[in-house]
Amino acid sequence: MNYYFFNCIDNTPIASAYAPEGTLLPNDLIPIIEKRKEVPFEFMLVKLTLTKDGLVRSSDLSGLKDIWLDYLPNSLAWPIFSEKLKNIVAENLNSNECIDWIPAKVNGAEEQRRYFIPSFTRMLDVLDSQKTIYIRGTDRIIRPCFSFEKIKNYNFFHKPAHFNLWKITSGLYVSEKMKKAIQKEKITGVTFEKTMVS
């Protein structure tokens, strides 16, 4: 059984959802979001383009093929899913994953769409700590290796992280079953990279 790191595409030019200037850091935002059960601000779509001078941000979305990707890149590096992608994930969970769905509003091209952020309610024990590669002398992960015995009952899970950063994280992993369900529905903006399992 194969498992995959699941993320949004990062090629440019691309539409990306930006939080307002001065937004708190993710680890400070998470307790607020947990309490309110919603994101306390609205995201704004911008166009990101990689140039010889670096990454350029523009409010002009023209020229982009699809601005409403199902897995939306964003300034917080969070998983922001369309309702279609959220429903596919929710339908393929094993009910062991312990996920809440946090609604988020995204504005762009003179419309607003509702997206959803998966939030784990408990930290999952998923690693083979003997085969996981860490920064020497720390428990910070360079390359995770998951234990099949620990993940076999999950179709969607997270990599452990410090503080509360495992609750809302871009360190998401999916089973072969979940990957096939997502690909079958032609979900946009996603990438899969095979991960280590022992």
N, C-alpha and C. Protein backbone atom coordinates (compact mmCIF):
# COMPACT_ATOMS: atom_id res chain seq x y z
N MET A 1 0.85 -1.20 0.00
CA MET A 1 0.00 0.00 0.00
C MET A 1 0.88 1.24 0.00
N ASN A 2 0.67 2.12 -0.96
CA ASN A 2 1.44 3.35 -1.06
C ASN A 2 0.72 4.51 -0.36
N TYR A 3 1.52 5.43 0.16
CA TYR A 3 1.01 6.65 0.78
C TYR A 3 1.76 7.84 0.18
N TYR A 4 1.12 9.02 0.20
CA TYR A 4 1.65 10.16 -0.54
C TYR A 4 1.57 11.45 0.27
N PHE A 5 2.62 12.27 0.11
CA PHE A 5 2.57 13.65 0.57
C PHE A 5 1.63 14.39 -0.36
N PHE A 6 0.66 15.10 0.20
CA PHE A 6 -0.41 15.74 -0.56
C PHE A 6 -0.31 17.24 -0.37
N ASN A 7 -0.11 17.98 -1.47
CA ASN A 7 0.09 19.42 -1.34
C ASN A 7 -0.49 20.14 -2.55
N CYS A 8 -0.42 21.48 -2.50
CA CYS A 8 -0.87 22.28 -3.64
C CYS A 8 0.31 22.50 -4.58
N ILE A 9 -0.02 22.75 -5.84
CA ILE A 9 1.03 23.04 -6.81
C ILE A 9 1.68 24.39 -6.48
N ASP A 10 2.95 24.55 -6.90
CA ASP A 10 3.64 25.81 -6.57
C ASP A 10 4.25 26.47 -7.79
N ASN A 11 3.79 26.07 -8.99
CA ASN A 11 4.31 26.73 -10.19
C ASN A 11 3.64 28.10 -10.36
N THR A 12 4.28 28.98 -11.10
CA THR A 12 3.71 30.31 -11.34
C THR A 12 3.68 30.58 -12.84
N PRO A 13 2.85 31.52 -13.31
CA PRO A 13 1.92 32.34 -12.51
C PRO A 13 0.76 31.51 -11.97
N ILE A 14 0.29 31.91 -10.81
CA ILE A 14 -0.79 31.16 -10.14
C ILE A 14 -1.58 32.10 -9.25
N ALA A 15 -2.85 31.77 -9.04
CA ALA A 15 -3.67 32.52 -8.09
C ALA A 15 -3.41 31.98 -6.69
N SER A 16 -3.22 32.89 -5.75
CA SER A 16 -2.94 32.51 -4.36
C SER A 16 -3.80 33.37 -3.44
N ALA A 17 -4.30 32.76 -2.37
CA ALA A 17 -5.14 33.49 -1.41
C ALA A 17 -4.25 34.14 -0.35
N TYR A 18 -4.38 35.45 -0.20
CA TYR A 18 -3.54 36.17 0.77
C TYR A 18 -4.37 36.65 1.95
N ALA A 19 -3.83 36.40 3.14
CA ALA A 19 -4.42 36.94 4.36
C ALA A 19 -4.12 38.44 4.42
N PRO A 20 -4.94 39.21 5.15
CA PRO A 20 -4.68 40.66 5.26
C PRO A 20 -3.31 40.94 5.88
N GLU A 21 -2.74 42.09 5.52
CA GLU A 21 -1.47 42.52 6.12
C GLU A 21 -1.64 42.57 7.64
N GLY A 22 -0.62 42.15 8.37
CA GLY A 22 -0.65 42.20 9.83
C GLY A 22 -1.35 41.02 10.47
N THR A 23 -1.73 40.01 9.66
CA THR A 23 -2.36 38.81 10.22
C THR A 23 -1.39 38.10 11.16
N LEU A 24 -1.91 37.55 12.23
CA LEU A 24 -1.08 36.81 13.19
C LEU A 24 -0.40 35.63 12.52
N LEU A 25 0.67 35.14 13.15
CA LEU A 25 1.33 33.93 12.67
C LEU A 25 0.41 32.73 12.87
N PRO A 26 0.58 31.67 12.04
CA PRO A 26 -0.32 30.52 12.13
C PRO A 26 -0.47 29.94 13.54
N ASN A 27 0.62 29.79 14.31
CA ASN A 27 0.48 29.18 15.64
C ASN A 27 -0.32 30.06 16.60
N ASP A 28 -0.37 31.38 16.34
CA ASP A 28 -1.19 32.28 17.15
C ASP A 28 -2.64 32.32 16.65
N LEU A 29 -2.83 32.06 15.36
CA LEU A 29 -4.17 32.08 14.77
C LEU A 29 -4.98 30.84 15.13
N ILE A 30 -4.30 29.70 15.24
CA ILE A 30 -5.01 28.43 15.41
C ILE A 30 -5.94 28.42 16.62
N PRO A 31 -5.52 28.90 17.82
CA PRO A 31 -6.46 28.90 18.95
C PRO A 31 -7.69 29.79 18.71
N ILE A 32 -7.50 30.89 18.00
CA ILE A 32 -8.63 31.79 17.69
C ILE A 32 -9.61 31.08 16.76
N ILE A 33 -9.06 30.42 15.74
CA ILE A 33 -9.90 29.70 14.77
C ILE A 33 -10.64 28.55 15.44
N GLU A 34 -9.95 27.83 16.32
CA GLU A 34 -10.59 26.71 17.04
C GLU A 34 -11.77 27.20 17.87
N LYS A 35 -11.61 28.34 18.51
CA LYS A 35 -12.67 28.89 19.36
C LYS A 35 -13.85 29.38 18.53
N ARG A 36 -13.55 30.08 17.44
CA ARG A 36 -14.62 30.68 16.62
C ARG A 36 -15.23 29.72 15.62
N LYS A 37 -14.48 28.64 15.30
CA LYS A 37 -14.91 27.67 14.27
C LYS A 37 -15.05 28.30 12.88
N GLU A 38 -14.27 29.35 12.66
CA GLU A 38 -14.19 29.99 11.34
C GLU A 38 -12.94 30.85 11.29
N VAL A 39 -12.50 31.17 10.09
CA VAL A 39 -11.35 32.07 9.92
C VAL A 39 -11.85 33.50 10.17
N PRO A 40 -11.17 34.28 11.04
CA PRO A 40 -11.69 35.59 11.44
C PRO A 40 -11.39 36.73 10.46
N PHE A 41 -11.05 36.39 9.23
CA PHE A 41 -10.80 37.41 8.20
C PHE A 41 -11.10 36.76 6.84
N GLU A 42 -11.07 37.57 5.80
CA GLU A 42 -11.30 37.06 4.45
C GLU A 42 -9.99 37.09 3.66
N PHE A 43 -9.75 36.05 2.88
CA PHE A 43 -8.58 36.00 2.01
C PHE A 43 -8.89 36.75 0.71
N MET A 44 -7.84 37.29 0.09
CA MET A 44 -7.96 37.97 -1.20
C MET A 44 -7.08 37.26 -2.21
N LEU A 45 -7.64 36.93 -3.37
CA LEU A 45 -6.86 36.29 -4.41
C LEU A 45 -5.91 37.29 -5.07
N VAL A 46 -4.67 36.86 -5.26
CA VAL A 46 -3.68 37.65 -5.99
C VAL A 46 -3.00 36.73 -7.00
N LYS A 47 -2.33 37.33 -7.97
CA LYS A 47 -1.55 36.54 -8.92
C LYS A 47 -0.09 36.60 -8.50
N LEU A 48 0.52 35.42 -8.37
CA LEU A 48 1.95 35.34 -8.07
C LEU A 48 2.69 34.92 -9.34
N THR A 49 3.75 35.65 -9.65
CA THR A 49 4.57 35.36 -10.82
C THR A 49 6.04 35.39 -10.40
N LEU A 50 6.77 34.36 -10.79
CA LEU A 50 8.20 34.31 -10.50
C LEU A 50 8.95 35.00 -11.63
N THR A 51 9.69 36.06 -11.28
CA THR A 51 10.47 36.81 -12.26
C THR A 51 11.94 36.76 -11.85
N LYS A 52 12.80 37.36 -12.68
CA LYS A 52 14.23 37.40 -12.35
C LYS A 52 14.49 38.21 -11.08
N ASP A 53 13.53 39.05 -10.70
CA ASP A 53 13.65 39.84 -9.47
C ASP A 53 13.00 39.18 -8.26
N GLY A 54 12.49 37.98 -8.44
CA GLY A 54 11.84 37.27 -7.33
C GLY A 54 10.35 37.09 -7.58
N LEU A 55 9.62 36.79 -6.53
CA LEU A 55 8.18 36.54 -6.62
C LEU A 55 7.43 37.88 -6.60
N VAL A 56 6.62 38.11 -7.64
CA VAL A 56 5.87 39.36 -7.77
C VAL A 56 4.40 39.08 -7.52
N ARG A 57 3.79 39.91 -6.67
CA ARG A 57 2.38 39.77 -6.32
C ARG A 57 1.59 40.88 -7.01
N SER A 58 0.46 40.50 -7.64
CA SER A 58 -0.36 41.47 -8.35
C SER A 58 -1.84 41.18 -8.10
N SER A 59 -2.64 42.24 -8.04
CA SER A 59 -4.08 42.06 -7.90
C SER A 59 -4.75 41.80 -9.24
N ASP A 60 -3.99 41.92 -10.33
CA ASP A 60 -4.51 41.66 -11.68
C ASP A 60 -4.46 40.16 -11.96
N LEU A 61 -5.64 39.52 -11.96
CA LEU A 61 -5.73 38.07 -12.15
C LEU A 61 -5.85 37.65 -13.61
N SER A 62 -5.81 38.63 -14.51
CA SER A 62 -5.97 38.30 -15.93
C SER A 62 -4.82 37.40 -16.41
N GLY A 63 -5.14 36.58 -17.39
CA GLY A 63 -4.14 35.69 -17.96
C GLY A 63 -4.03 34.34 -17.26
N LEU A 64 -4.69 34.20 -16.10
CA LEU A 64 -4.66 32.91 -15.40
C LEU A 64 -5.78 32.02 -15.92
N LYS A 65 -5.45 30.78 -16.18
CA LYS A 65 -6.44 29.83 -16.72
C LYS A 65 -7.53 29.53 -15.71
N ASP A 66 -7.14 29.30 -14.45
CA ASP A 66 -8.10 28.94 -13.41
C ASP A 66 -7.68 29.62 -12.11
N ILE A 67 -8.51 30.52 -11.62
CA ILE A 67 -8.15 31.19 -10.37
C ILE A 67 -8.71 30.47 -9.15
N TRP A 68 -9.73 29.65 -9.35
CA TRP A 68 -10.39 28.98 -8.23
C TRP A 68 -9.95 27.52 -8.17
N LEU A 69 -8.68 27.30 -7.83
CA LEU A 69 -8.17 25.94 -7.72
C LEU A 69 -8.82 25.22 -6.54
N ASP A 70 -8.93 23.91 -6.64
CA ASP A 70 -9.53 23.14 -5.55
C ASP A 70 -8.65 23.10 -4.31
N TYR A 71 -7.33 23.06 -4.50
CA TYR A 71 -6.38 23.18 -3.38
C TYR A 71 -5.68 24.50 -3.63
N LEU A 72 -6.06 25.50 -2.85
CA LEU A 72 -5.68 26.88 -3.14
C LEU A 72 -4.39 27.27 -2.42
N PRO A 73 -3.33 27.60 -3.17
CA PRO A 73 -2.12 28.13 -2.53
C PRO A 73 -2.47 29.39 -1.73
N ASN A 74 -1.70 29.65 -0.67
CA ASN A 74 -2.05 30.80 0.17
C ASN A 74 -0.87 31.26 1.00
N SER A 75 -0.98 32.46 1.53
CA SER A 75 0.12 33.10 2.26
C SER A 75 0.41 32.45 3.60
N LEU A 76 -0.50 31.65 4.14
CA LEU A 76 -0.29 31.00 5.43
C LEU A 76 0.26 29.58 5.27
N ALA A 77 0.38 29.11 4.03
CA ALA A 77 0.83 27.73 3.77
C ALA A 77 -0.09 26.72 4.47
N TRP A 78 -1.39 26.99 4.43
CA TRP A 78 -2.39 26.11 5.02
C TRP A 78 -3.08 25.32 3.91
N PRO A 79 -3.69 24.19 4.25
CA PRO A 79 -4.51 23.51 3.26
C PRO A 79 -5.87 24.21 3.15
N ILE A 80 -6.13 24.83 2.02
CA ILE A 80 -7.41 25.50 1.80
C ILE A 80 -8.08 24.78 0.63
N PHE A 81 -9.19 24.08 0.94
CA PHE A 81 -9.85 23.19 -0.01
C PHE A 81 -11.17 23.78 -0.49
N SER A 82 -11.46 23.56 -1.78
CA SER A 82 -12.79 23.87 -2.29
C SER A 82 -13.80 22.93 -1.64
N GLU A 83 -15.07 23.25 -1.77
CA GLU A 83 -16.10 22.36 -1.22
C GLU A 83 -16.04 20.99 -1.89
N LYS A 84 -15.73 20.97 -3.18
CA LYS A 84 -15.64 19.70 -3.92
C LYS A 84 -14.53 18.82 -3.33
N LEU A 85 -13.34 19.39 -3.11
CA LEU A 85 -12.24 18.62 -2.54
C LEU A 85 -12.54 18.22 -1.09
N LYS A 86 -13.11 19.14 -0.32
CA LYS A 86 -13.49 18.82 1.07
C LYS A 86 -14.43 17.61 1.10
N ASN A 87 -15.42 17.59 0.21
CA ASN A 87 -16.39 16.50 0.20
C ASN A 87 -15.74 15.17 -0.16
N ILE A 88 -14.81 15.18 -1.11
CA ILE A 88 -14.12 13.94 -1.49
C ILE A 88 -13.32 13.41 -0.31
N VAL A 89 -12.58 14.30 0.35
CA VAL A 89 -11.79 13.88 1.52
C VAL A 89 -12.72 13.35 2.60
N ALA A 90 -13.78 14.10 2.91
CA ALA A 90 -14.69 13.70 3.99
C ALA A 90 -15.34 12.34 3.70
N GLU A 91 -15.69 12.09 2.46
CA GLU A 91 -16.34 10.83 2.09
C GLU A 91 -15.39 9.64 2.16
N ASN A 92 -14.10 9.88 2.13
CA ASN A 92 -13.11 8.80 2.12
C ASN A 92 -12.33 8.67 3.43
N LEU A 93 -12.76 9.38 4.47
CA LEU A 93 -12.12 9.22 5.78
C LEU A 93 -12.57 7.91 6.41
N ASN A 94 -11.75 7.39 7.30
CA ASN A 94 -12.09 6.17 8.03
C ASN A 94 -12.75 6.45 9.36
N SER A 95 -13.00 7.69 9.66
CA SER A 95 -13.59 8.18 10.92
C SER A 95 -12.61 8.10 12.09
N ASN A 96 -11.35 7.70 11.81
CA ASN A 96 -10.32 7.70 12.84
C ASN A 96 -9.49 8.98 12.82
N GLU A 97 -9.64 9.78 11.78
CA GLU A 97 -8.73 10.90 11.53
C GLU A 97 -8.98 12.11 12.42
N CYS A 98 -10.19 12.25 12.96
CA CYS A 98 -10.52 13.35 13.90
C CYS A 98 -10.30 14.73 13.27
N ILE A 99 -11.13 15.07 12.31
CA ILE A 99 -11.00 16.33 11.58
C ILE A 99 -12.25 17.19 11.74
N ASP A 100 -12.02 18.47 11.99
CA ASP A 100 -13.06 19.50 11.88
C ASP A 100 -12.79 20.26 10.59
N TRP A 101 -13.85 20.81 10.00
CA TRP A 101 -13.71 21.62 8.78
C TRP A 101 -14.00 23.07 9.11
N ILE A 102 -13.02 23.94 8.90
CA ILE A 102 -13.13 25.36 9.24
C ILE A 102 -13.44 26.15 7.96
N PRO A 103 -14.60 26.83 7.90
CA PRO A 103 -14.91 27.61 6.70
C PRO A 103 -14.03 28.86 6.57
N ALA A 104 -13.71 29.19 5.33
CA ALA A 104 -12.90 30.39 5.03
C ALA A 104 -13.48 31.06 3.79
N LYS A 105 -13.53 32.38 3.83
CA LYS A 105 -14.04 33.14 2.67
C LYS A 105 -12.87 33.66 1.85
N VAL A 106 -12.98 33.48 0.53
CA VAL A 106 -11.94 33.93 -0.40
C VAL A 106 -12.59 34.84 -1.43
N ASN A 107 -12.02 36.04 -1.60
CA ASN A 107 -12.53 37.02 -2.56
C ASN A 107 -11.61 37.14 -3.76
N GLY A 108 -12.22 37.25 -4.94
CA GLY A 108 -11.43 37.45 -6.15
C GLY A 108 -12.32 37.57 -7.36
N ALA A 109 -11.87 38.36 -8.34
CA ALA A 109 -12.61 38.54 -9.59
C ALA A 109 -14.07 38.90 -9.33
N GLU A 110 -14.28 39.79 -8.38
CA GLU A 110 -15.60 40.33 -8.04
C GLU A 110 -16.59 39.27 -7.58
N GLU A 111 -16.08 38.22 -6.96
CA GLU A 111 -16.95 37.24 -6.33
C GLU A 111 -16.29 36.70 -5.07
N GLN A 112 -17.10 36.03 -4.28
CA GLN A 112 -16.59 35.40 -3.06
C GLN A 112 -16.96 33.93 -3.08
N ARG A 113 -15.99 33.08 -2.71
CA ARG A 113 -16.26 31.65 -2.62
C ARG A 113 -15.88 31.14 -1.24
N ARG A 114 -16.58 30.10 -0.85
CA ARG A 114 -16.33 29.48 0.45
C ARG A 114 -15.40 28.30 0.27
N TYR A 115 -14.34 28.29 1.04
CA TYR A 115 -13.39 27.18 1.07
C TYR A 115 -13.39 26.59 2.48
N PHE A 116 -12.64 25.49 2.65
CA PHE A 116 -12.63 24.80 3.93
C PHE A 116 -11.21 24.35 4.28
N ILE A 117 -10.88 24.49 5.56
CA ILE A 117 -9.56 24.12 6.06
C ILE A 117 -9.72 22.92 6.99
N PRO A 118 -9.04 21.80 6.70
CA PRO A 118 -9.10 20.67 7.63
C PRO A 118 -8.28 20.96 8.87
N SER A 119 -8.88 20.72 10.02
CA SER A 119 -8.21 20.95 11.31
C SER A 119 -8.29 19.67 12.13
N PHE A 120 -7.13 19.11 12.46
CA PHE A 120 -7.10 17.88 13.26
C PHE A 120 -7.37 18.22 14.72
N THR A 121 -8.17 17.38 15.36
CA THR A 121 -8.52 17.62 16.76
C THR A 121 -7.66 16.81 17.73
N ARG A 122 -6.84 15.91 17.21
CA ARG A 122 -5.86 15.21 18.05
C ARG A 122 -4.63 14.90 17.22
N MET A 123 -3.47 14.91 17.89
CA MET A 123 -2.23 14.61 17.19
C MET A 123 -2.14 13.11 16.98
N LEU A 124 -1.96 12.71 15.73
CA LEU A 124 -1.93 11.30 15.38
C LEU A 124 -0.53 10.73 15.56
N ASP A 125 -0.46 9.54 16.10
CA ASP A 125 0.80 8.81 16.25
C ASP A 125 1.01 8.01 14.98
N VAL A 126 1.91 8.46 14.11
CA VAL A 126 2.03 7.86 12.78
C VAL A 126 3.45 7.50 12.37
N LEU A 127 4.44 7.97 13.08
CA LEU A 127 5.83 7.82 12.63
C LEU A 127 6.47 6.50 13.04
N ASP A 128 7.38 6.04 12.18
CA ASP A 128 8.38 5.05 12.57
C ASP A 128 9.58 5.89 13.01
N SER A 129 9.72 6.10 14.30
CA SER A 129 10.74 7.04 14.79
C SER A 129 12.16 6.55 14.54
N GLN A 130 12.34 5.24 14.35
CA GLN A 130 13.67 4.70 14.07
C GLN A 130 14.13 5.04 12.65
N LYS A 131 13.19 5.12 11.72
CA LYS A 131 13.55 5.35 10.31
C LYS A 131 13.30 6.79 9.85
N THR A 132 12.61 7.57 10.68
CA THR A 132 12.42 8.99 10.36
C THR A 132 13.77 9.71 10.49
N ILE A 133 14.03 10.63 9.58
CA ILE A 133 15.30 11.38 9.62
C ILE A 133 15.04 12.73 10.30
N TYR A 134 15.82 13.00 11.36
CA TYR A 134 15.67 14.22 12.15
C TYR A 134 16.90 15.10 12.01
N ILE A 135 16.75 16.39 12.32
CA ILE A 135 17.91 17.26 12.48
C ILE A 135 18.67 16.74 13.69
N ARG A 136 19.96 16.53 13.52
CA ARG A 136 20.77 15.91 14.57
C ARG A 136 20.59 16.60 15.91
N GLY A 137 20.34 15.78 16.94
CA GLY A 137 20.22 16.29 18.29
C GLY A 137 18.88 16.92 18.62
N THR A 138 17.90 16.83 17.69
CA THR A 138 16.57 17.41 17.92
C THR A 138 15.50 16.41 17.52
N ASP A 139 14.24 16.79 17.75
CA ASP A 139 13.14 15.97 17.26
C ASP A 139 12.47 16.62 16.05
N ARG A 140 13.18 17.54 15.42
CA ARG A 140 12.65 18.21 14.21
C ARG A 140 12.88 17.32 13.00
N ILE A 141 11.79 17.10 12.26
CA ILE A 141 11.80 16.11 11.18
C ILE A 141 12.33 16.71 9.88
N ILE A 142 13.31 16.00 9.28
CA ILE A 142 13.77 16.34 7.93
C ILE A 142 12.97 15.53 6.92
N ARG A 143 12.89 14.23 7.16
CA ARG A 143 12.15 13.34 6.26
C ARG A 143 11.42 12.29 7.09
N PRO A 144 10.08 12.34 7.07
CA PRO A 144 9.34 11.38 7.88
C PRO A 144 9.34 9.99 7.24
N CYS A 145 9.27 8.99 8.09
CA CYS A 145 8.98 7.63 7.66
C CYS A 145 7.80 7.17 8.52
N PHE A 146 6.73 6.77 7.87
CA PHE A 146 5.52 6.40 8.60
C PHE A 146 5.48 4.89 8.83
N SER A 147 4.92 4.52 9.95
CA SER A 147 4.73 3.11 10.28
C SER A 147 3.41 2.63 9.68
N PHE A 148 3.49 1.61 8.84
CA PHE A 148 2.26 1.10 8.22
C PHE A 148 1.26 0.65 9.28
N GLU A 149 1.74 0.01 10.33
CA GLU A 149 0.84 -0.45 11.39
C GLU A 149 0.10 0.72 12.04
N LYS A 150 0.73 1.88 12.10
CA LYS A 150 0.10 3.06 12.71
C LYS A 150 -0.83 3.80 11.76
N ILE A 151 -0.55 3.75 10.46
CA ILE A 151 -1.34 4.55 9.51
C ILE A 151 -2.36 3.73 8.72
N LYS A 152 -2.36 2.43 8.88
CA LYS A 152 -3.21 1.58 8.02
C LYS A 152 -4.70 1.88 8.16
N ASN A 153 -5.11 2.49 9.27
CA ASN A 153 -6.52 2.84 9.45
C ASN A 153 -6.82 4.31 9.17
N TYR A 154 -5.86 5.00 8.53
CA TYR A 154 -6.06 6.39 8.13
C TYR A 154 -5.97 6.51 6.61
N ASN A 155 -6.83 7.34 6.05
CA ASN A 155 -6.72 7.69 4.63
C ASN A 155 -6.19 9.11 4.45
N PHE A 156 -6.11 9.84 5.56
CA PHE A 156 -5.73 11.26 5.52
C PHE A 156 -5.12 11.56 6.89
N PHE A 157 -3.86 11.97 6.92
CA PHE A 157 -3.21 12.20 8.21
C PHE A 157 -2.14 13.26 8.09
N HIS A 158 -1.60 13.67 9.23
CA HIS A 158 -0.63 14.76 9.26
C HIS A 158 0.71 14.27 9.79
N LYS A 159 1.73 15.01 9.45
CA LYS A 159 3.05 14.80 10.04
C LYS A 159 3.08 15.51 11.40
N PRO A 160 3.63 14.90 12.44
CA PRO A 160 3.72 15.60 13.73
C PRO A 160 4.49 16.92 13.60
N ALA A 161 4.11 17.89 14.43
CA ALA A 161 4.77 19.20 14.41
C ALA A 161 4.75 19.78 15.82
N HIS A 162 5.59 20.79 16.03
CA HIS A 162 5.69 21.44 17.34
C HIS A 162 4.50 22.34 17.61
N PHE A 163 4.34 22.66 18.88
CA PHE A 163 3.28 23.55 19.36
C PHE A 163 1.93 23.01 18.88
N ASN A 164 1.13 23.85 18.25
CA ASN A 164 -0.17 23.41 17.74
C ASN A 164 -0.17 23.33 16.21
N LEU A 165 1.00 23.35 15.60
CA LEU A 165 1.08 23.43 14.14
C LEU A 165 0.69 22.14 13.43
N TRP A 166 0.45 21.07 14.17
CA TRP A 166 -0.07 19.83 13.57
C TRP A 166 -1.57 19.94 13.34
N LYS A 167 -2.23 20.87 14.01
CA LYS A 167 -3.69 20.97 13.90
C LYS A 167 -4.13 21.45 12.52
N ILE A 168 -3.48 22.51 12.04
CA ILE A 168 -3.72 23.00 10.67
C ILE A 168 -2.35 23.03 10.02
N THR A 169 -2.14 22.15 9.07
CA THR A 169 -0.80 21.96 8.53
C THR A 169 -0.82 21.62 7.05
N SER A 170 0.23 22.04 6.37
CA SER A 170 0.39 21.62 4.97
C SER A 170 1.14 20.28 4.90
N GLY A 171 1.53 19.74 6.07
CA GLY A 171 2.18 18.43 6.12
C GLY A 171 1.15 17.32 6.11
N LEU A 172 0.42 17.21 4.99
CA LEU A 172 -0.68 16.25 4.86
C LEU A 172 -0.27 15.05 4.01
N TYR A 173 -0.81 13.90 4.38
CA TYR A 173 -0.50 12.65 3.67
C TYR A 173 -1.79 11.89 3.43
N VAL A 174 -1.83 11.16 2.30
CA VAL A 174 -3.04 10.43 1.93
C VAL A 174 -2.69 9.01 1.52
N SER A 175 -3.68 8.15 1.66
CA SER A 175 -3.55 6.77 1.21
C SER A 175 -3.74 6.68 -0.30
N GLU A 176 -3.43 5.52 -0.84
CA GLU A 176 -3.67 5.26 -2.27
C GLU A 176 -5.16 5.42 -2.59
N LYS A 177 -6.01 4.95 -1.70
CA LYS A 177 -7.46 5.06 -1.91
C LYS A 177 -7.88 6.52 -2.03
N MET A 178 -7.40 7.37 -1.11
CA MET A 178 -7.74 8.78 -1.14
C MET A 178 -7.18 9.45 -2.40
N LYS A 179 -5.95 9.12 -2.75
CA LYS A 179 -5.33 9.69 -3.95
C LYS A 179 -6.17 9.37 -5.19
N LYS A 180 -6.59 8.13 -5.33
CA LYS A 180 -7.39 7.72 -6.51
C LYS A 180 -8.73 8.43 -6.54
N ALA A 181 -9.36 8.60 -5.37
CA ALA A 181 -10.65 9.30 -5.31
C ALA A 181 -10.50 10.75 -5.74
N ILE A 182 -9.41 11.39 -5.32
CA ILE A 182 -9.15 12.79 -5.69
C ILE A 182 -8.86 12.91 -7.18
N GLN A 183 -8.03 12.02 -7.70
CA GLN A 183 -7.67 12.06 -9.12
C GLN A 183 -8.87 11.76 -10.01
N LYS A 184 -9.72 10.86 -9.58
CA LYS A 184 -10.91 10.49 -10.38
C LYS A 184 -11.80 11.69 -10.63
N GLU A 185 -11.89 12.59 -9.66
CA GLU A 185 -12.76 13.77 -9.78
C GLU A 185 -12.07 14.96 -10.42
N LYS A 186 -10.84 14.74 -10.93
CA LYS A 186 -10.10 15.79 -11.64
C LYS A 186 -9.96 17.07 -10.81
N ILE A 187 -9.57 16.88 -9.57
CA ILE A 187 -9.35 18.00 -8.66
C ILE A 187 -8.15 18.83 -9.15
N THR A 188 -8.27 20.14 -9.10
CA THR A 188 -7.22 21.03 -9.61
C THR A 188 -6.31 21.52 -8.49
N GLY A 189 -5.06 21.79 -8.87
CA GLY A 189 -4.12 22.43 -7.95
C GLY A 189 -3.42 21.49 -6.99
N VAL A 190 -3.46 20.16 -7.24
CA VAL A 190 -2.89 19.22 -6.27
C VAL A 190 -1.66 18.50 -6.82
N THR A 191 -0.79 18.10 -5.90
CA THR A 191 0.35 17.25 -6.24
C THR A 191 0.41 16.10 -5.23
N PHE A 192 0.98 14.99 -5.69
CA PHE A 192 1.19 13.82 -4.84
C PHE A 192 2.63 13.38 -4.99
N GLU A 193 3.28 13.10 -3.86
CA GLU A 193 4.67 12.64 -3.87
C GLU A 193 4.75 11.44 -2.94
N LYS A 194 5.17 10.31 -3.47
CA LYS A 194 5.25 9.09 -2.68
C LYS A 194 6.12 9.32 -1.44
N THR A 195 5.66 8.79 -0.31
CA THR A 195 6.40 8.98 0.93
C THR A 195 6.87 7.64 1.49
N MET A 196 7.78 7.70 2.45
CA MET A 196 8.38 6.49 3.03
C MET A 196 7.44 5.87 4.07
N VAL A 197 7.24 4.56 3.93
CA VAL A 197 6.44 3.80 4.88
C VAL A 197 7.19 2.52 5.21
N SER A 198 7.24 2.16 6.49
CA SER A 198 7.95 0.93 6.88
C SER A 198 6.96 -0.14 7.32
